[in-house]
Amino acid sequence: MCINVKLCSKCKLEKPLEDYYKNKRFLFGVHAWCKKCLIKNASDYSKAHKEKCKARTKLWRQNNLERSRELVRKWHSEHKDYMKQWRAAHKERLSFLVKRWRDRQKEIKQSETISSSTDPFCKS
């Protein structure tokens, strides 16, 4: 018996199995809710619990620094045209961000040299 459609328990619409995420623990090997309902539910949750989601994301990035950087690099390489358009449309913002970054880097270097010069255990 081959079943090609399933009733979403959230929106109560009958949809093809391709409209459901795979999940072995559920009947037919797919989730009980369709993809649209799951995405809407996740979106609603993140809006309702903004700070909690932000903290969880920040913690994940700290614990998975290399993976996070890899994902950002991958996204940028796959969306080069979008990035080019974004940079052209946001020149002022981009120059402000670059200037702020450079200023922070100078502050960091200055604080490192000051702390190392005042450290009696540091050999110069």
PDB file of N, CA and C in Angstrom:
ATOM      1  N   MET A   1       0.841  -1.177   0.000  1.00  0.00           N
ATOM      2  CA  MET A   1       0.000   0.000   0.000  1.00  0.00           C
ATOM      3  C   MET A   1       0.889   1.243   0.000  1.00  0.00           C
ATOM      4  N   CYS A   2       0.769   2.066  -1.015  1.00  0.00           N
ATOM      5  CA  CYS A   2       1.596   3.254  -1.170  1.00  0.00           C
ATOM      6  C   CYS A   2       0.739   4.496  -0.917  1.00  0.00           C
ATOM      7  N   ILE A   3       1.143   5.286   0.052  1.00  0.00           N
ATOM      8  CA  ILE A   3       0.384   6.490   0.386  1.00  0.00           C
ATOM      9  C   ILE A   3       1.177   7.701  -0.094  1.00  0.00           C
ATOM     10  N   ASN A   4       0.538   8.565  -0.873  1.00  0.00           N
ATOM     11  CA  ASN A   4       1.202   9.732  -1.433  1.00  0.00           C
ATOM     12  C   ASN A   4       0.775  11.041  -0.795  1.00  0.00           C
ATOM     13  N   VAL A   5      -0.327  11.018  -0.049  1.00  0.00           N
ATOM     14  CA  VAL A   5      -0.814  12.234   0.594  1.00  0.00           C
ATOM     15  C   VAL A   5      -1.020  11.980   2.081  1.00  0.00           C
ATOM     16  N   LYS A   6      -1.008  13.059   2.856  1.00  0.00           N
ATOM     17  CA  LYS A   6      -1.174  12.963   4.301  1.00  0.00           C
ATOM     18  C   LYS A   6      -1.910  14.206   4.786  1.00  0.00           C
ATOM     19  N   LEU A   7      -2.656  14.071   5.859  1.00  0.00           N
ATOM     20  CA  LEU A   7      -3.393  15.179   6.464  1.00  0.00           C
ATOM     21  C   LEU A   7      -2.505  15.847   7.508  1.00  0.00           C
ATOM     22  N   CYS A   8      -2.267  17.149   7.353  1.00  0.00           N
ATOM     23  CA  CYS A   8      -1.473  17.910   8.324  1.00  0.00           C
ATOM     24  C   CYS A   8      -2.312  18.077   9.588  1.00  0.00           C
ATOM     25  N   SER A   9      -1.749  17.703  10.735  1.00  0.00           N
ATOM     26  CA  SER A   9      -2.517  17.786  11.979  1.00  0.00           C
ATOM     27  C   SER A   9      -2.616  19.219  12.501  1.00  0.00           C
ATOM     28  N   LYS A  10      -1.904  20.148  11.890  1.00  0.00           N
ATOM     29  CA  LYS A  10      -1.967  21.551  12.314  1.00  0.00           C
ATOM     30  C   LYS A  10      -2.996  22.328  11.485  1.00  0.00           C
ATOM     31  N   CYS A  11      -2.798  22.348  10.155  1.00  0.00           N
ATOM     32  CA  CYS A  11      -3.693  23.147   9.293  1.00  0.00           C
ATOM     33  C   CYS A  11      -4.873  22.327   8.756  1.00  0.00           C
ATOM     34  N   LYS A  12      -4.858  21.024   8.987  1.00  0.00           N
ATOM     35  CA  LYS A  12      -5.943  20.104   8.590  1.00  0.00           C
ATOM     36  C   LYS A  12      -6.140  20.010   7.071  1.00  0.00           C
ATOM     37  N   LEU A  13      -5.087  20.285   6.295  1.00  0.00           N
ATOM     38  CA  LEU A  13      -5.151  20.163   4.844  1.00  0.00           C
ATOM     39  C   LEU A  13      -4.440  18.892   4.405  1.00  0.00           C
ATOM     40  N   GLU A  14      -4.977  18.266   3.386  1.00  0.00           N
ATOM     41  CA  GLU A  14      -4.353  17.071   2.830  1.00  0.00           C
ATOM     42  C   GLU A  14      -3.301  17.507   1.819  1.00  0.00           C
ATOM     43  N   LYS A  15      -2.060  17.075   2.035  1.00  0.00           N
ATOM     44  CA  LYS A  15      -0.948  17.506   1.186  1.00  0.00           C
ATOM     45  C   LYS A  15      -0.088  16.306   0.806  1.00  0.00           C
ATOM     46  N   PRO A  16       0.664  16.417  -0.314  1.00  0.00           N
ATOM     47  CA  PRO A  16       1.551  15.319  -0.707  1.00  0.00           C
ATOM     48  C   PRO A  16       2.683  15.150   0.304  1.00  0.00           C
ATOM     49  N   LEU A  17       3.247  13.956   0.383  1.00  0.00           N
ATOM     50  CA  LEU A  17       4.296  13.667   1.356  1.00  0.00           C
ATOM     51  C   LEU A  17       5.536  14.541   1.165  1.00  0.00           C
ATOM     52  N   GLU A  18       5.742  15.079  -0.028  1.00  0.00           N
ATOM     53  CA  GLU A  18       6.891  15.955  -0.281  1.00  0.00           C
ATOM     54  C   GLU A  18       6.776  17.272   0.501  1.00  0.00           C
ATOM     55  N   ASP A  19       5.570  17.611   0.940  1.00  0.00           N
ATOM     56  CA  ASP A  19       5.345  18.840   1.697  1.00  0.00           C
ATOM     57  C   ASP A  19       5.590  18.653   3.195  1.00  0.00           C
ATOM     58  N   TYR A  20       6.167  17.514   3.586  1.00  0.00           N
ATOM     59  CA  TYR A  20       6.468  17.212   4.984  1.00  0.00           C
ATOM     60  C   TYR A  20       7.946  16.901   5.137  1.00  0.00           C
ATOM     61  N   TYR A  21       8.534  17.291   6.275  1.00  0.00           N
ATOM     62  CA  TYR A  21       9.917  16.949   6.560  1.00  0.00           C
ATOM     63  C   TYR A  21       9.989  15.481   6.969  1.00  0.00           C
ATOM     64  N   LYS A  22      11.054  14.818   6.595  1.00  0.00           N
ATOM     65  CA  LYS A  22      11.239  13.415   6.962  1.00  0.00           C
ATOM     66  C   LYS A  22      11.512  13.310   8.451  1.00  0.00           C
ATOM     67  N   ASN A  23      10.898  12.307   9.073  1.00  0.00           N
ATOM     68  CA  ASN A  23      11.106  12.043  10.487  1.00  0.00           C
ATOM     69  C   ASN A  23      10.677  10.605  10.753  1.00  0.00           C
ATOM     70  N   LYS A  24      11.617   9.745  11.043  1.00  0.00           N
ATOM     71  CA  LYS A  24      11.355   8.308  11.197  1.00  0.00           C
ATOM     72  C   LYS A  24      10.431   7.982  12.367  1.00  0.00           C
ATOM     73  N   ARG A  25      10.373   8.865  13.346  1.00  0.00           N
ATOM     74  CA  ARG A  25       9.560   8.581  14.526  1.00  0.00           C
ATOM     75  C   ARG A  25       8.062   8.752  14.289  1.00  0.00           C
ATOM     76  N   PHE A  26       7.693   9.390  13.195  1.00  0.00           N
ATOM     77  CA  PHE A  26       6.280   9.634  12.905  1.00  0.00           C
ATOM     78  C   PHE A  26       5.754   8.623  11.883  1.00  0.00           C
ATOM     79  N   LEU A  27       4.451   8.547  11.804  1.00  0.00           N
ATOM     80  CA  LEU A  27       3.774   7.682  10.854  1.00  0.00           C
ATOM     81  C   LEU A  27       4.154   8.071   9.426  1.00  0.00           C
ATOM     82  N   PHE A  28       4.347   7.128   8.564  1.00  0.00           N
ATOM     83  CA  PHE A  28       4.752   7.315   7.167  1.00  0.00           C
ATOM     84  C   PHE A  28       6.169   7.878   7.035  1.00  0.00           C
ATOM     85  N   GLY A  29       6.895   8.017   8.126  1.00  0.00           N
ATOM     86  CA  GLY A  29       8.268   8.510   8.080  1.00  0.00           C
ATOM     87  C   GLY A  29       8.379  10.010   7.845  1.00  0.00           C
ATOM     88  N   VAL A  30       7.286  10.744   8.047  1.00  0.00           N
ATOM     89  CA  VAL A  30       7.304  12.196   7.900  1.00  0.00           C
ATOM     90  C   VAL A  30       6.681  12.838   9.131  1.00  0.00           C
ATOM     91  N   HIS A  31       7.011  14.114   9.339  1.00  0.00           N
ATOM     92  CA  HIS A  31       6.503  14.860  10.493  1.00  0.00           C
ATOM     93  C   HIS A  31       4.977  14.981  10.424  1.00  0.00           C
ATOM     94  N   ALA A  32       4.349  15.227  11.569  1.00  0.00           N
ATOM     95  CA  ALA A  32       2.889  15.346  11.625  1.00  0.00           C
ATOM     96  C   ALA A  32       2.392  16.653  11.010  1.00  0.00           C
ATOM     97  N   TRP A  33       3.209  17.720  11.108  1.00  0.00           N
ATOM     98  CA  TRP A  33       2.849  19.014  10.538  1.00  0.00           C
ATOM     99  C   TRP A  33       3.556  19.192   9.201  1.00  0.00           C
ATOM    100  N   CYS A  34       2.923  19.897   8.279  1.00  0.00           N
ATOM    101  CA  CYS A  34       3.554  20.171   6.975  1.00  0.00           C
ATOM    102  C   CYS A  34       4.679  21.202   7.151  1.00  0.00           C
ATOM    103  N   LYS A  35       5.499  21.359   6.119  1.00  0.00           N
ATOM    104  CA  LYS A  35       6.638  22.281   6.183  1.00  0.00           C
ATOM    105  C   LYS A  35       6.197  23.710   6.470  1.00  0.00           C
ATOM    106  N   LYS A  36       5.119  24.152   5.819  1.00  0.00           N
ATOM    107  CA  LYS A  36       4.640  25.526   6.032  1.00  0.00           C
ATOM    108  C   LYS A  36       4.246  25.754   7.484  1.00  0.00           C
ATOM    109  N   CYS A  37       3.539  24.799   8.077  1.00  0.00           N
ATOM    110  CA  CYS A  37       3.097  24.943   9.471  1.00  0.00           C
ATOM    111  C   CYS A  37       4.293  24.935  10.428  1.00  0.00           C
ATOM    112  N   LEU A  38       5.276  24.066  10.168  1.00  0.00           N
ATOM    113  CA  LEU A  38       6.465  24.026  11.017  1.00  0.00           C
ATOM    114  C   LEU A  38       7.254  25.327  10.933  1.00  0.00           C
ATOM    115  N   ILE A  39       7.408  25.856   9.726  1.00  0.00           N
ATOM    116  CA  ILE A  39       8.142  27.106   9.541  1.00  0.00           C
ATOM    117  C   ILE A  39       7.416  28.252  10.231  1.00  0.00           C
ATOM    118  N   LYS A  40       6.089  28.309  10.080  1.00  0.00           N
ATOM    119  CA  LYS A  40       5.304  29.363  10.728  1.00  0.00           C
ATOM    120  C   LYS A  40       5.409  29.248  12.248  1.00  0.00           C
ATOM    121  N   ASN A  41       5.340  28.030  12.763  1.00  0.00           N
ATOM    122  CA  ASN A  41       5.439  27.799  14.200  1.00  0.00           C
ATOM    123  C   ASN A  41       6.813  28.246  14.725  1.00  0.00           C
ATOM    124  N   ALA A  42       7.883  27.900  14.013  1.00  0.00           N
ATOM    125  CA  ALA A  42       9.234  28.297  14.417  1.00  0.00           C
ATOM    126  C   ALA A  42       9.385  29.814  14.374  1.00  0.00           C
ATOM    127  N   SER A  43       8.823  30.441  13.353  1.00  0.00           N
ATOM    128  CA  SER A  43       8.888  31.890  13.219  1.00  0.00           C
ATOM    129  C   SER A  43       8.137  32.572  14.359  1.00  0.00           C
ATOM    130  N   ASP A  44       6.951  32.085  14.658  1.00  0.00           N
ATOM    131  CA  ASP A  44       6.153  32.646  15.752  1.00  0.00           C
ATOM    132  C   ASP A  44       6.886  32.501  17.090  1.00  0.00           C
ATOM    133  N   TYR A  45       7.508  31.342  17.301  1.00  0.00           N
ATOM    134  CA  TYR A  45       8.233  31.098  18.546  1.00  0.00           C
ATOM    135  C   TYR A  45       9.400  32.068  18.679  1.00  0.00           C
ATOM    136  N   SER A  46      10.166  32.234  17.580  1.00  0.00           N
ATOM    137  CA  SER A  46      11.335  33.113  17.662  1.00  0.00           C
ATOM    138  C   SER A  46      10.928  34.569  17.870  1.00  0.00           C
ATOM    139  N   LYS A  47       9.779  34.969  17.353  1.00  0.00           N
ATOM    140  CA  LYS A  47       9.289  36.330  17.592  1.00  0.00           C
ATOM    141  C   LYS A  47       8.839  36.499  19.039  1.00  0.00           C
ATOM    142  N   ALA A  48       8.210  35.477  19.584  1.00  0.00           N
ATOM    143  CA  ALA A  48       7.695  35.549  20.952  1.00  0.00           C
ATOM    144  C   ALA A  48       8.814  35.432  21.991  1.00  0.00           C
ATOM    145  N   HIS A  49       9.914  34.761  21.637  1.00  0.00           N
ATOM    146  CA  HIS A  49      11.026  34.528  22.571  1.00  0.00           C
ATOM    147  C   HIS A  49      12.330  35.062  21.982  1.00  0.00           C
ATOM    148  N   LYS A  50      12.309  36.318  21.570  1.00  0.00           N
ATOM    149  CA  LYS A  50      13.439  36.925  20.850  1.00  0.00           C
ATOM    150  C   LYS A  50      14.754  36.832  21.621  1.00  0.00           C
ATOM    151  N   GLU A  51      14.739  37.237  22.880  1.00  0.00           N
ATOM    152  CA  GLU A  51      15.971  37.266  23.680  1.00  0.00           C
ATOM    153  C   GLU A  51      16.517  35.858  23.914  1.00  0.00           C
ATOM    154  N   LYS A  52      15.640  34.922  24.186  1.00  0.00           N
ATOM    155  CA  LYS A  52      16.058  33.539  24.416  1.00  0.00           C
ATOM    156  C   LYS A  52      16.708  32.962  23.160  1.00  0.00           C
ATOM    157  N   CYS A  53      16.116  33.216  22.009  1.00  0.00           N
ATOM    158  CA  CYS A  53      16.654  32.712  20.739  1.00  0.00           C
ATOM    159  C   CYS A  53      17.979  33.372  20.408  1.00  0.00           C
ATOM    160  N   LYS A  54      18.088  34.676  20.682  1.00  0.00           N
ATOM    161  CA  LYS A  54      19.338  35.400  20.443  1.00  0.00           C
ATOM    162  C   LYS A  54      20.463  34.814  21.291  1.00  0.00           C
ATOM    163  N   ALA A  55      20.167  34.558  22.559  1.00  0.00           N
ATOM    164  CA  ALA A  55      21.169  34.015  23.478  1.00  0.00           C
ATOM    165  C   ALA A  55      21.605  32.617  23.041  1.00  0.00           C
ATOM    166  N   ARG A  56      20.645  31.794  22.607  1.00  0.00           N
ATOM    167  CA  ARG A  56      20.957  30.444  22.158  1.00  0.00           C
ATOM    168  C   ARG A  56      21.834  30.476  20.906  1.00  0.00           C
ATOM    169  N   THR A  57      21.518  31.381  19.981  1.00  0.00           N
ATOM    170  CA  THR A  57      22.305  31.515  18.756  1.00  0.00           C
ATOM    171  C   THR A  57      23.714  31.990  19.069  1.00  0.00           C
ATOM    172  N   LYS A  58      23.827  32.970  19.967  1.00  0.00           N
ATOM    173  CA  LYS A  58      25.134  33.492  20.350  1.00  0.00           C
ATOM    174  C   LYS A  58      25.987  32.400  20.995  1.00  0.00           C
ATOM    175  N   LEU A  59      25.380  31.620  21.867  1.00  0.00           N
ATOM    176  CA  LEU A  59      26.089  30.525  22.526  1.00  0.00           C
ATOM    177  C   LEU A  59      26.559  29.488  21.504  1.00  0.00           C
ATOM    178  N   TRP A  60      25.704  29.155  20.533  1.00  0.00           N
ATOM    179  CA  TRP A  60      26.086  28.192  19.500  1.00  0.00           C
ATOM    180  C   TRP A  60      27.276  28.713  18.701  1.00  0.00           C
ATOM    181  N   ARG A  61      27.217  30.004  18.327  1.00  0.00           N
ATOM    182  CA  ARG A  61      28.327  30.593  17.559  1.00  0.00           C
ATOM    183  C   ARG A  61      29.632  30.537  18.336  1.00  0.00           C
ATOM    184  N   GLN A  62      29.575  30.809  19.638  1.00  0.00           N
ATOM    185  CA  GLN A  62      30.780  30.773  20.468  1.00  0.00           C
ATOM    186  C   GLN A  62      31.334  29.354  20.563  1.00  0.00           C
ATOM    187  N   ASN A  63      30.446  28.379  20.680  1.00  0.00           N
ATOM    188  CA  ASN A  63      30.868  26.987  20.810  1.00  0.00           C
ATOM    189  C   ASN A  63      31.247  26.346  19.476  1.00  0.00           C
ATOM    190  N   ASN A  64      30.821  26.934  18.367  1.00  0.00           N
ATOM    191  CA  ASN A  64      31.076  26.381  17.037  1.00  0.00           C
ATOM    192  C   ASN A  64      31.638  27.467  16.115  1.00  0.00           C
ATOM    193  N   LEU A  65      32.695  28.117  16.559  1.00  0.00           N
ATOM    194  CA  LEU A  65      33.249  29.264  15.854  1.00  0.00           C
ATOM    195  C   LEU A  65      33.669  28.917  14.422  1.00  0.00           C
ATOM    196  N   GLU A  66      34.405  27.826  14.261  1.00  0.00           N
ATOM    197  CA  GLU A  66      34.866  27.448  12.914  1.00  0.00           C
ATOM    198  C   GLU A  66      33.692  27.105  11.999  1.00  0.00           C
ATOM    199  N   ARG A  67      32.735  26.348  12.501  1.00  0.00           N
ATOM    200  CA  ARG A  67      31.564  25.964  11.705  1.00  0.00           C
ATOM    201  C   ARG A  67      30.758  27.201  11.316  1.00  0.00           C
ATOM    202  N   SER A  68      30.610  28.136  12.261  1.00  0.00           N
ATOM    203  CA  SER A  68      29.879  29.368  12.003  1.00  0.00           C
ATOM    204  C   SER A  68      30.557  30.169  10.897  1.00  0.00           C
ATOM    205  N   ARG A  69      31.878  30.308  10.987  1.00  0.00           N
ATOM    206  CA  ARG A  69      32.620  31.040   9.959  1.00  0.00           C
ATOM    207  C   ARG A  69      32.517  30.354   8.605  1.00  0.00           C
ATOM    208  N   GLU A  70      32.577  29.033   8.628  1.00  0.00           N
ATOM    209  CA  GLU A  70      32.460  28.253   7.389  1.00  0.00           C
ATOM    210  C   GLU A  70      31.097  28.491   6.721  1.00  0.00           C
ATOM    211  N   LEU A  71      30.038  28.502   7.513  1.00  0.00           N
ATOM    212  CA  LEU A  71      28.697  28.726   6.976  1.00  0.00           C
ATOM    213  C   LEU A  71      28.553  30.131   6.400  1.00  0.00           C
ATOM    214  N   VAL A  72      29.143  31.118   7.068  1.00  0.00           N
ATOM    215  CA  VAL A  72      29.083  32.494   6.565  1.00  0.00           C
ATOM    216  C   VAL A  72      29.833  32.595   5.240  1.00  0.00           C
ATOM    217  N   ARG A  73      31.038  32.000   5.196  1.00  0.00           N
ATOM    218  CA  ARG A  73      31.817  32.018   3.947  1.00  0.00           C
ATOM    219  C   ARG A  73      31.061  31.353   2.814  1.00  0.00           C
ATOM    220  N   LYS A  74      30.434  30.222   3.113  1.00  0.00           N
ATOM    221  CA  LYS A  74      29.670  29.484   2.098  1.00  0.00           C
ATOM    222  C   LYS A  74      28.513  30.345   1.587  1.00  0.00           C
ATOM    223  N   TRP A  75      27.780  30.973   2.506  1.00  0.00           N
ATOM    224  CA  TRP A  75      26.644  31.807   2.115  1.00  0.00           C
ATOM    225  C   TRP A  75      27.116  32.943   1.216  1.00  0.00           C
ATOM    226  N   HIS A  76      28.209  33.609   1.607  1.00  0.00           N
ATOM    227  CA  HIS A  76      28.727  34.731   0.814  1.00  0.00           C
ATOM    228  C   HIS A  76      29.175  34.274  -0.567  1.00  0.00           C
ATOM    229  N   SER A  77      29.792  33.101  -0.655  1.00  0.00           N
ATOM    230  CA  SER A  77      30.240  32.618  -1.965  1.00  0.00           C
ATOM    231  C   SER A  77      29.058  32.231  -2.856  1.00  0.00           C
ATOM    232  N   GLU A  78      27.966  31.787  -2.256  1.00  0.00           N
ATOM    233  CA  GLU A  78      26.784  31.403  -3.029  1.00  0.00           C
ATOM    234  C   GLU A  78      25.914  32.605  -3.405  1.00  0.00           C
ATOM    235  N   HIS A  79      26.119  33.741  -2.761  1.00  0.00           N
ATOM    236  CA  HIS A  79      25.286  34.924  -2.996  1.00  0.00           C
ATOM    237  C   HIS A  79      26.131  36.136  -3.372  1.00  0.00           C
ATOM    238  N   LYS A  80      27.107  35.937  -4.253  1.00  0.00           N
ATOM    239  CA  LYS A  80      28.015  37.022  -4.643  1.00  0.00           C
ATOM    240  C   LYS A  80      27.275  38.176  -5.315  1.00  0.00           C
ATOM    241  N   ASP A  81      26.315  37.859  -6.175  1.00  0.00           N
ATOM    242  CA  ASP A  81      25.562  38.918  -6.859  1.00  0.00           C
ATOM    243  C   ASP A  81      24.770  39.768  -5.866  1.00  0.00           C
ATOM    244  N   TYR A  82      24.125  39.105  -4.923  1.00  0.00           N
ATOM    245  CA  TYR A  82      23.363  39.823  -3.907  1.00  0.00           C
ATOM    246  C   TYR A  82      24.276  40.727  -3.091  1.00  0.00           C
ATOM    247  N   MET A  83      25.451  40.212  -2.702  1.00  0.00           N
ATOM    248  CA  MET A  83      26.383  40.999  -1.897  1.00  0.00           C
ATOM    249  C   MET A  83      26.888  42.212  -2.673  1.00  0.00           C
ATOM    250  N   LYS A  84      27.115  42.032  -3.960  1.00  0.00           N
ATOM    251  CA  LYS A  84      27.575  43.143  -4.792  1.00  0.00           C
ATOM    252  C   LYS A  84      26.512  44.245  -4.840  1.00  0.00           C
ATOM    253  N   GLN A  85      25.261  43.849  -5.021  1.00  0.00           N
ATOM    254  CA  GLN A  85      24.152  44.805  -5.045  1.00  0.00           C
ATOM    255  C   GLN A  85      23.982  45.477  -3.685  1.00  0.00           C
ATOM    256  N   TRP A  86      24.113  44.696  -2.620  1.00  0.00           N
ATOM    257  CA  TRP A  86      23.956  45.238  -1.272  1.00  0.00           C
ATOM    258  C   TRP A  86      25.029  46.281  -0.994  1.00  0.00           C
ATOM    259  N   ARG A  87      26.275  45.967  -1.339  1.00  0.00           N
ATOM    260  CA  ARG A  87      27.366  46.915  -1.114  1.00  0.00           C
ATOM    261  C   ARG A  87      27.139  48.213  -1.884  1.00  0.00           C
ATOM    262  N   ALA A  88      26.646  48.102  -3.121  1.00  0.00           N
ATOM    263  CA  ALA A  88      26.392  49.294  -3.935  1.00  0.00           C
ATOM    264  C   ALA A  88      25.266  50.137  -3.322  1.00  0.00           C
ATOM    265  N   ALA A  89      24.254  49.488  -2.778  1.00  0.00           N
ATOM    266  CA  ALA A  89      23.104  50.196  -2.206  1.00  0.00           C
ATOM    267  C   ALA A  89      23.385  50.756  -0.811  1.00  0.00           C
ATOM    268  N   HIS A  90      24.394  50.226  -0.112  1.00  0.00           N
ATOM    269  CA  HIS A  90      24.660  50.614   1.272  1.00  0.00           C
ATOM    270  C   HIS A  90      26.096  51.102   1.462  1.00  0.00           C
ATOM    271  N   LYS A  91      26.587  51.922   0.540  1.00  0.00           N
ATOM    272  CA  LYS A  91      27.971  52.387   0.604  1.00  0.00           C
ATOM    273  C   LYS A  91      28.272  53.136   1.897  1.00  0.00           C
ATOM    274  N   GLU A  92      27.382  54.021   2.300  1.00  0.00           N
ATOM    275  CA  GLU A  92      27.617  54.814   3.512  1.00  0.00           C
ATOM    276  C   GLU A  92      27.665  53.927   4.746  1.00  0.00           C
ATOM    277  N   ARG A  93      26.719  53.025   4.848  1.00  0.00           N
ATOM    278  CA  ARG A  93      26.680  52.113   6.003  1.00  0.00           C
ATOM    279  C   ARG A  93      27.931  51.244   6.043  1.00  0.00           C
ATOM    280  N   LEU A  94      28.327  50.757   4.897  1.00  0.00           N
ATOM    281  CA  LEU A  94      29.496  49.889   4.814  1.00  0.00           C
ATOM    282  C   LEU A  94      30.763  50.649   5.211  1.00  0.00           C
ATOM    283  N   SER A  95      30.914  51.882   4.731  1.00  0.00           N
ATOM    284  CA  SER A  95      32.101  52.667   5.093  1.00  0.00           C
ATOM    285  C   SER A  95      32.109  52.970   6.596  1.00  0.00           C
ATOM    286  N   PHE A  96      30.925  53.219   7.179  1.00  0.00           N
ATOM    287  CA  PHE A  96      30.835  53.436   8.623  1.00  0.00           C
ATOM    288  C   PHE A  96      31.264  52.183   9.378  1.00  0.00           C
ATOM    289  N   LEU A  97      30.783  51.018   8.954  1.00  0.00           N
ATOM    290  CA  LEU A  97      31.125  49.765   9.629  1.00  0.00           C
ATOM    291  C   LEU A  97      32.615  49.456   9.524  1.00  0.00           C
ATOM    292  N   VAL A  98      33.192  49.699   8.358  1.00  0.00           N
ATOM    293  CA  VAL A  98      34.628  49.453   8.165  1.00  0.00           C
ATOM    294  C   VAL A  98      35.438  50.391   9.049  1.00  0.00           C
ATOM    295  N   LYS A  99      35.053  51.673   9.098  1.00  0.00           N
ATOM    296  CA  LYS A  99      35.758  52.644   9.937  1.00  0.00           C
ATOM    297  C   LYS A  99      35.666  52.248  11.412  1.00  0.00           C
ATOM    298  N   ARG A 100      34.477  51.841  11.848  1.00  0.00           N
ATOM    299  CA  ARG A 100      34.299  51.426  13.242  1.00  0.00           C
ATOM    300  C   ARG A 100      35.157  50.212  13.563  1.00  0.00           C
ATOM    301  N   TRP A 101      35.216  49.260  12.635  1.00  0.00           N
ATOM    302  CA  TRP A 101      36.025  48.061  12.831  1.00  0.00           C
ATOM    303  C   TRP A 101      37.503  48.432  12.958  1.00  0.00           C
ATOM    304  N   ARG A 102      37.984  49.312  12.065  1.00  0.00           N
ATOM    305  CA  ARG A 102      39.391  49.736  12.102  1.00  0.00           C
ATOM    306  C   ARG A 102      39.714  50.442  13.414  1.00  0.00           C
ATOM    307  N   ASP A 103      38.815  51.313  13.866  1.00  0.00           N
ATOM    308  CA  ASP A 103      39.026  52.014  15.137  1.00  0.00           C
ATOM    309  C   ASP A 103      39.119  51.026  16.301  1.00  0.00           C
ATOM    310  N   ARG A 104      38.248  50.039  16.300  1.00  0.00           N
ATOM    311  CA  ARG A 104      38.276  49.029  17.374  1.00  0.00           C
ATOM    312  C   ARG A 104      39.571  48.225  17.331  1.00  0.00           C
ATOM    313  N   GLN A 105      40.038  47.906  16.127  1.00  0.00           N
ATOM    314  CA  GLN A 105      41.291  47.155  16.004  1.00  0.00           C
ATOM    315  C   GLN A 105      42.463  47.974  16.544  1.00  0.00           C
ATOM    316  N   LYS A 106      42.466  49.292  16.278  1.00  0.00           N
ATOM    317  CA  LYS A 106      43.515  50.165  16.812  1.00  0.00           C
ATOM    318  C   LYS A 106      43.477  50.182  18.331  1.00  0.00           C
ATOM    319  N   GLU A 107      42.254  50.283  18.896  1.00  0.00           N
ATOM    320  CA  GLU A 107      42.100  50.289  20.353  1.00  0.00           C
ATOM    321  C   GLU A 107      42.613  48.995  20.961  1.00  0.00           C
ATOM    322  N   ILE A 108      42.311  47.881  20.321  1.00  0.00           N
ATOM    323  CA  ILE A 108      42.757  46.581  20.821  1.00  0.00           C
ATOM    324  C   ILE A 108      44.282  46.507  20.806  1.00  0.00           C
ATOM    325  N   LYS A 109      44.905  46.933  19.715  1.00  0.00           N
ATOM    326  CA  LYS A 109      46.368  46.903  19.621  1.00  0.00           C
ATOM    327  C   LYS A 109      46.997  47.812  20.669  1.00  0.00           C
ATOM    328  N   GLN A 110      46.422  49.003  20.862  1.00  0.00           N
ATOM    329  CA  GLN A 110      46.952  49.934  21.849  1.00  0.00           C
ATOM    330  C   GLN A 110      46.839  49.362  23.257  1.00  0.00           C
ATOM    331  N   SER A 111      45.712  48.761  23.566  1.00  0.00           N
ATOM    332  CA  SER A 111      45.531  48.189  24.906  1.00  0.00           C
ATOM    333  C   SER A 111      46.471  47.004  25.118  1.00  0.00           C
ATOM    334  N   GLU A 112      46.753  46.239  24.070  1.00  0.00           N
ATOM    335  CA  GLU A 112      47.683  45.112  24.180  1.00  0.00           C
ATOM    336  C   GLU A 112      49.100  45.615  24.434  1.00  0.00           C
ATOM    337  N   THR A 113      49.509  46.662  23.736  1.00  0.00           N
ATOM    338  CA  THR A 113      50.865  47.189  23.926  1.00  0.00           C
ATOM    339  C   THR A 113      51.009  47.845  25.294  1.00  0.00           C
ATOM    340  N   ILE A 114      49.970  48.509  25.760  1.00  0.00           N
ATOM    341  CA  ILE A 114      50.013  49.143  27.083  1.00  0.00           C
ATOM    342  C   ILE A 114      50.088  48.078  28.160  1.00  0.00           C
ATOM    343  N   SER A 115      49.261  47.034  28.061  1.00  0.00           N
ATOM    344  CA  SER A 115      49.252  45.991  29.084  1.00  0.00           C
ATOM    345  C   SER A 115      50.559  45.202  29.081  1.00  0.00           C
ATOM    346  N   SER A 116      51.151  44.984  27.921  1.00  0.00           N
ATOM    347  CA  SER A 116      52.407  44.226  27.874  1.00  0.00           C
ATOM    348  C   SER A 116      53.584  45.077  28.360  1.00  0.00           C
ATOM    349  N   SER A 117      53.522  46.403  28.166  1.00  0.00           N
ATOM    350  CA  SER A 117      54.611  47.255  28.622  1.00  0.00           C
ATOM    351  C   SER A 117      54.556  47.480  30.140  1.00  0.00           C
ATOM    352  N   THR A 118      53.399  47.391  30.742  1.00  0.00           N
ATOM    353  CA  THR A 118      53.255  47.572  32.192  1.00  0.00           C
ATOM    354  C   THR A 118      53.372  46.255  32.949  1.00  0.00           C
ATOM    355  N   ASP A 119      53.382  45.161  32.243  1.00  0.00           N
ATOM    356  CA  ASP A 119      53.482  43.847  32.875  1.00  0.00           C
ATOM    357  C   ASP A 119      54.932  43.581  33.271  1.00  0.00           C
ATOM    358  N   PRO A 120      55.238  43.434  34.572  1.00  0.00           N
ATOM    359  CA  PRO A 120      56.626  43.244  34.988  1.00  0.00           C
ATOM    360  C   PRO A 120      57.200  41.890  34.558  1.00  0.00           C
ATOM    361  N   PHE A 121      56.335  40.932  34.239  1.00  0.00           N
ATOM    362  CA  PHE A 121      56.790  39.608  33.846  1.00  0.00           C
ATOM    363  C   PHE A 121      56.994  39.474  32.352  1.00  0.00           C
ATOM    364  N   CYS A 122      56.611  40.495  31.600  1.00  0.00           N
ATOM    365  CA  CYS A 122      56.722  40.465  30.154  1.00  0.00           C
ATOM    366  C   CYS A 122      58.108  40.941  29.746  1.00  0.00           C
ATOM    367  N   LYS A 123      58.806  40.111  28.979  1.00  0.00           N
ATOM    368  CA  LYS A 123      60.145  40.491  28.497  1.00  0.00           C
ATOM    369  C   LYS A 123      60.015  41.172  27.159  1.00  0.00           C
ATOM    370  N   SER A 124      60.561  42.351  27.036  1.00  0.00           N
ATOM    371  CA  SER A 124      60.499  43.098  25.780  1.00  0.00           C
ATOM    372  C   SER A 124      61.805  43.001  25.043  1.00  0.00           C
TER     373      SER A 124
END
